[in-house]
N, C-alpha and C. Protein backbone atom coordinates (compact mmCIF):
# COMPACT_ATOMS: atom_id res chain seq x y z
N MET A 1 42.01 -11.25 -109.18
CA MET A 1 40.98 -11.40 -110.19
C MET A 1 40.34 -12.78 -110.00
N THR A 2 39.04 -12.84 -110.13
CA THR A 2 38.34 -14.11 -110.00
C THR A 2 37.51 -14.37 -111.25
N PHE A 3 37.21 -15.62 -111.46
CA PHE A 3 36.42 -16.04 -112.61
C PHE A 3 35.22 -16.82 -112.12
N ASP A 4 34.09 -16.62 -112.79
CA ASP A 4 32.94 -17.46 -112.44
C ASP A 4 33.01 -18.76 -113.25
N LEU A 5 32.17 -19.70 -112.91
CA LEU A 5 32.21 -21.03 -113.51
C LEU A 5 32.02 -20.99 -115.02
N ALA A 6 31.13 -20.11 -115.49
CA ALA A 6 30.87 -20.02 -116.94
C ALA A 6 32.12 -19.56 -117.69
N GLU A 7 32.87 -18.61 -117.12
CA GLU A 7 34.09 -18.13 -117.77
C GLU A 7 35.15 -19.23 -117.81
N ILE A 8 35.28 -19.95 -116.72
CA ILE A 8 36.26 -21.05 -116.66
C ILE A 8 35.91 -22.11 -117.69
N GLN A 9 34.63 -22.46 -117.80
CA GLN A 9 34.20 -23.47 -118.77
C GLN A 9 34.42 -22.97 -120.19
N HIS A 10 34.19 -21.68 -120.42
CA HIS A 10 34.41 -21.11 -121.76
C HIS A 10 35.89 -21.16 -122.13
N ILE A 11 36.76 -20.78 -121.19
CA ILE A 11 38.20 -20.82 -121.44
C ILE A 11 38.65 -22.26 -121.69
N ALA A 12 38.13 -23.20 -120.90
CA ALA A 12 38.47 -24.61 -121.08
C ALA A 12 38.01 -25.10 -122.45
N GLU A 13 36.83 -24.67 -122.87
CA GLU A 13 36.32 -25.08 -124.19
C GLU A 13 37.20 -24.53 -125.30
N LEU A 14 37.60 -23.25 -125.19
CA LEU A 14 38.48 -22.65 -126.19
C LEU A 14 39.84 -23.35 -126.23
N SER A 15 40.27 -23.84 -125.08
CA SER A 15 41.55 -24.54 -124.98
C SER A 15 41.41 -26.02 -125.29
N ARG A 16 40.18 -26.44 -125.56
CA ARG A 16 39.87 -27.85 -125.84
C ARG A 16 40.29 -28.76 -124.69
N LEU A 17 39.95 -28.32 -123.48
CA LEU A 17 40.24 -29.11 -122.29
C LEU A 17 38.93 -29.65 -121.73
N ARG A 18 38.96 -30.89 -121.31
CA ARG A 18 37.82 -31.48 -120.60
C ARG A 18 38.18 -31.49 -119.13
N LEU A 19 37.49 -30.68 -118.35
CA LEU A 19 37.83 -30.55 -116.94
C LEU A 19 36.71 -31.10 -116.06
N THR A 20 37.12 -31.72 -114.96
CA THR A 20 36.15 -32.14 -113.95
C THR A 20 35.83 -30.93 -113.08
N GLY A 21 34.89 -31.07 -112.17
CA GLY A 21 34.52 -29.97 -111.29
C GLY A 21 35.70 -29.49 -110.45
N ASP A 22 36.47 -30.44 -109.92
CA ASP A 22 37.64 -30.07 -109.11
C ASP A 22 38.69 -29.36 -109.97
N GLU A 23 38.86 -29.85 -111.19
CA GLU A 23 39.84 -29.26 -112.09
C GLU A 23 39.42 -27.85 -112.50
N GLU A 24 38.12 -27.64 -112.69
CA GLU A 24 37.64 -26.30 -113.04
C GLU A 24 37.98 -25.31 -111.94
N GLU A 25 37.79 -25.72 -110.69
CA GLU A 25 38.09 -24.85 -109.56
C GLU A 25 39.59 -24.55 -109.50
N LYS A 26 40.40 -25.59 -109.67
CA LYS A 26 41.85 -25.43 -109.63
C LYS A 26 42.33 -24.58 -110.80
N TYR A 27 41.78 -24.84 -112.00
CA TYR A 27 42.14 -24.12 -113.21
C TYR A 27 41.81 -22.63 -113.06
N GLY A 28 40.65 -22.34 -112.51
CA GLY A 28 40.25 -20.95 -112.30
C GLY A 28 41.20 -20.23 -111.37
N ALA A 29 41.61 -20.90 -110.29
CA ALA A 29 42.55 -20.30 -109.34
C ALA A 29 43.91 -20.07 -110.00
N GLN A 30 44.34 -21.01 -110.84
CA GLN A 30 45.63 -20.86 -111.51
C GLN A 30 45.60 -19.70 -112.51
N ILE A 31 44.52 -19.59 -113.27
CA ILE A 31 44.40 -18.49 -114.24
C ILE A 31 44.38 -17.16 -113.50
N ALA A 32 43.64 -17.09 -112.41
CA ALA A 32 43.58 -15.86 -111.63
C ALA A 32 44.96 -15.48 -111.10
N SER A 33 45.72 -16.46 -110.63
CA SER A 33 47.05 -16.22 -110.13
C SER A 33 47.98 -15.70 -111.23
N ILE A 34 47.88 -16.29 -112.40
CA ILE A 34 48.71 -15.86 -113.54
C ILE A 34 48.37 -14.43 -113.93
N LEU A 35 47.08 -14.11 -114.00
CA LEU A 35 46.68 -12.76 -114.40
C LEU A 35 47.04 -11.73 -113.34
N ASP A 36 46.98 -12.10 -112.07
CA ASP A 36 47.41 -11.19 -111.01
C ASP A 36 48.90 -10.89 -111.15
N TYR A 37 49.68 -11.90 -111.49
CA TYR A 37 51.12 -11.71 -111.68
C TYR A 37 51.37 -10.80 -112.89
N MET A 38 50.61 -11.01 -113.96
CA MET A 38 50.75 -10.16 -115.14
C MET A 38 50.42 -8.71 -114.80
N LYS A 39 49.43 -8.52 -113.94
CA LYS A 39 49.06 -7.18 -113.52
C LYS A 39 50.23 -6.52 -112.77
N MET A 40 50.91 -7.30 -111.93
CA MET A 40 52.09 -6.78 -111.22
C MET A 40 53.17 -6.37 -112.22
N LEU A 41 53.37 -7.17 -113.26
CA LEU A 41 54.39 -6.85 -114.27
C LEU A 41 54.03 -5.58 -115.03
N ASP A 42 52.72 -5.36 -115.26
CA ASP A 42 52.28 -4.15 -115.95
C ASP A 42 52.62 -2.89 -115.16
N GLU A 43 52.73 -3.01 -113.84
CA GLU A 43 53.00 -1.85 -112.99
C GLU A 43 54.47 -1.45 -112.97
N LEU A 44 55.35 -2.27 -113.55
CA LEU A 44 56.77 -1.93 -113.59
C LEU A 44 57.00 -0.71 -114.47
N LYS A 45 57.92 0.12 -114.06
CA LYS A 45 58.25 1.32 -114.82
C LYS A 45 59.44 1.01 -115.72
N LEU A 46 59.16 0.42 -116.86
CA LEU A 46 60.23 -0.04 -117.75
C LEU A 46 60.86 1.08 -118.57
N LYS A 47 60.16 2.18 -118.74
CA LYS A 47 60.72 3.26 -119.55
C LYS A 47 61.94 3.89 -118.90
N GLU A 48 62.08 3.72 -117.58
CA GLU A 48 63.23 4.28 -116.88
C GLU A 48 64.48 3.42 -117.05
N ASN A 49 64.32 2.18 -117.48
CA ASN A 49 65.46 1.26 -117.64
C ASN A 49 66.11 1.46 -119.00
N LYS A 50 67.44 1.31 -119.01
CA LYS A 50 68.16 1.39 -120.28
C LYS A 50 67.97 0.09 -121.03
N THR A 51 68.00 0.18 -122.34
CA THR A 51 67.89 -1.00 -123.17
C THR A 51 69.13 -1.86 -122.98
N THR A 52 68.93 -3.15 -122.82
CA THR A 52 70.07 -4.04 -122.61
C THR A 52 70.28 -5.00 -123.77
N ILE A 53 69.53 -4.80 -124.86
CA ILE A 53 69.70 -5.67 -126.02
C ILE A 53 70.00 -4.82 -127.24
N TYR A 54 70.58 -5.43 -128.23
CA TYR A 54 70.84 -4.79 -129.50
C TYR A 54 70.09 -5.54 -130.57
N SER A 55 69.61 -4.81 -131.55
CA SER A 55 68.87 -5.47 -132.61
C SER A 55 69.69 -5.46 -133.90
N LEU A 56 69.35 -6.37 -134.79
CA LEU A 56 70.01 -6.42 -136.09
C LEU A 56 69.32 -5.45 -137.03
N SER A 57 70.07 -4.74 -137.80
CA SER A 57 69.47 -3.87 -138.80
C SER A 57 69.06 -4.72 -140.00
N LEU A 58 68.33 -4.10 -140.93
CA LEU A 58 67.89 -4.85 -142.11
C LEU A 58 69.07 -5.30 -142.95
N SER A 59 70.20 -4.62 -142.87
CA SER A 59 71.36 -5.02 -143.66
C SER A 59 72.10 -6.20 -143.03
N GLY A 60 71.69 -6.59 -141.81
CA GLY A 60 72.32 -7.72 -141.17
C GLY A 60 73.40 -7.34 -140.18
N SER A 61 73.72 -6.05 -140.10
CA SER A 61 74.76 -5.64 -139.15
C SER A 61 74.14 -5.38 -137.78
N VAL A 62 74.93 -5.50 -136.76
CA VAL A 62 74.46 -5.28 -135.41
C VAL A 62 74.60 -3.79 -135.10
N SER A 63 73.50 -3.16 -134.70
CA SER A 63 73.56 -1.73 -134.44
C SER A 63 74.39 -1.45 -133.20
N ASP A 64 75.16 -0.38 -133.25
CA ASP A 64 76.01 0.08 -132.14
C ASP A 64 77.08 -0.92 -131.73
N LEU A 65 77.37 -1.91 -132.53
CA LEU A 65 78.42 -2.87 -132.24
C LEU A 65 79.24 -3.11 -133.50
N GLU A 66 80.44 -3.58 -133.33
CA GLU A 66 81.20 -3.97 -134.50
C GLU A 66 80.72 -5.33 -134.97
N ASN A 67 81.07 -5.71 -136.16
CA ASN A 67 80.63 -6.97 -136.75
C ASN A 67 81.09 -8.14 -135.88
N VAL A 68 80.15 -8.99 -135.48
CA VAL A 68 80.49 -10.13 -134.63
C VAL A 68 80.64 -11.41 -135.43
N TRP A 69 80.42 -11.34 -136.73
CA TRP A 69 80.56 -12.53 -137.57
C TRP A 69 82.03 -12.77 -137.87
N ARG A 70 82.39 -14.01 -138.07
CA ARG A 70 83.76 -14.35 -138.43
C ARG A 70 83.72 -15.33 -139.59
N GLN A 71 84.84 -15.43 -140.28
CA GLN A 71 84.96 -16.37 -141.38
C GLN A 71 85.16 -17.78 -140.81
N ASP A 72 84.60 -18.78 -141.49
CA ASP A 72 84.84 -20.16 -141.09
C ASP A 72 86.27 -20.53 -141.40
N GLU A 73 86.88 -21.24 -140.49
CA GLU A 73 88.25 -21.69 -140.69
C GLU A 73 88.28 -23.21 -140.57
N VAL A 74 88.90 -23.86 -141.54
CA VAL A 74 89.06 -25.31 -141.50
C VAL A 74 90.35 -25.62 -140.77
N SER A 75 90.26 -26.47 -139.78
CA SER A 75 91.46 -26.85 -139.05
C SER A 75 91.48 -28.36 -138.89
N PRO A 76 92.67 -28.95 -138.89
CA PRO A 76 92.75 -30.40 -138.77
C PRO A 76 92.37 -30.87 -137.37
N TRP A 77 91.83 -32.08 -137.31
CA TRP A 77 91.47 -32.69 -136.04
C TRP A 77 92.70 -33.30 -135.39
N ASP A 78 92.68 -33.33 -134.10
CA ASP A 78 93.70 -34.03 -133.34
C ASP A 78 93.51 -35.53 -133.60
N GLU A 79 94.59 -36.31 -133.62
CA GLU A 79 94.50 -37.75 -133.90
C GLU A 79 93.56 -38.47 -132.94
N LYS A 80 93.58 -38.08 -131.67
CA LYS A 80 92.71 -38.72 -130.67
C LYS A 80 91.24 -38.45 -130.98
N GLU A 81 90.94 -37.24 -131.46
CA GLU A 81 89.56 -36.90 -131.83
C GLU A 81 89.10 -37.75 -133.02
N VAL A 82 90.00 -37.92 -134.00
CA VAL A 82 89.67 -38.72 -135.17
C VAL A 82 89.43 -40.16 -134.76
N GLU A 83 90.29 -40.68 -133.92
CA GLU A 83 90.14 -42.06 -133.44
C GLU A 83 88.80 -42.25 -132.73
N LEU A 84 88.47 -41.32 -131.86
CA LEU A 84 87.23 -41.40 -131.10
C LEU A 84 86.02 -41.31 -132.03
N ALA A 85 86.08 -40.41 -132.99
CA ALA A 85 84.97 -40.24 -133.93
C ALA A 85 84.79 -41.50 -134.78
N LEU A 86 85.90 -42.07 -135.25
CA LEU A 86 85.82 -43.25 -136.10
C LEU A 86 85.36 -44.48 -135.32
N SER A 87 85.63 -44.52 -134.04
CA SER A 87 85.19 -45.66 -133.24
C SER A 87 83.67 -45.64 -133.04
N GLN A 88 83.06 -44.49 -133.27
CA GLN A 88 81.61 -44.35 -133.06
C GLN A 88 80.83 -44.37 -134.38
N ALA A 89 81.51 -44.31 -135.52
CA ALA A 89 80.80 -44.21 -136.80
C ALA A 89 81.59 -44.90 -137.91
N GLU A 90 81.04 -44.81 -139.12
CA GLU A 90 81.68 -45.39 -140.30
C GLU A 90 82.15 -44.26 -141.21
N LEU A 91 83.08 -44.59 -142.11
CA LEU A 91 83.51 -43.63 -143.11
C LEU A 91 82.79 -43.90 -144.42
N GLU A 92 82.42 -42.84 -145.12
CA GLU A 92 81.84 -42.97 -146.45
C GLU A 92 82.40 -41.84 -147.29
N GLU A 93 83.15 -42.17 -148.32
CA GLU A 93 83.80 -41.20 -149.20
C GLU A 93 84.64 -40.20 -148.41
N GLY A 94 85.36 -40.72 -147.41
CA GLY A 94 86.24 -39.87 -146.62
C GLY A 94 85.55 -39.02 -145.56
N MET A 95 84.25 -39.22 -145.40
CA MET A 95 83.51 -38.45 -144.40
C MET A 95 82.90 -39.39 -143.38
N ILE A 96 82.70 -38.88 -142.18
CA ILE A 96 82.10 -39.69 -141.13
C ILE A 96 80.60 -39.80 -141.38
N LYS A 97 80.12 -41.03 -141.45
CA LYS A 97 78.71 -41.29 -141.68
C LYS A 97 78.05 -41.50 -140.31
N VAL A 98 76.98 -40.75 -140.07
CA VAL A 98 76.28 -40.85 -138.78
C VAL A 98 74.86 -41.36 -139.03
N LYS A 99 74.22 -41.82 -137.96
CA LYS A 99 72.84 -42.29 -138.10
C LYS A 99 71.93 -41.11 -138.42
N ARG A 100 70.88 -41.41 -139.17
CA ARG A 100 69.90 -40.40 -139.54
C ARG A 100 69.15 -39.93 -138.28
N VAL A 101 68.98 -38.63 -138.17
CA VAL A 101 68.26 -38.05 -137.03
C VAL A 101 67.01 -37.38 -137.56
N LEU A 102 65.88 -37.81 -137.06
CA LEU A 102 64.61 -37.19 -137.50
C LEU A 102 63.93 -36.54 -136.36
């Protein structure tokens, strides 16, 4: 598939890209390559393939599978883990205080 200069400029404008003449040529070739690849993907016969994924039902259960959720379990830390954690942070009200992450 090929694009003329007006189409490339229109796509660049919609994408809010400012392209030089060389970039327009390169951009057009890249878009054509992507669309040719998409055309190849469209030719695949996917209906013959079995589904390899499972979806969640509206109730939250996994269809055709047993429940994969488990209950949270509280377990004590190994002393070495506690030592390592405390060497990297401070304690506040018995909990490890970490730096704020934004």
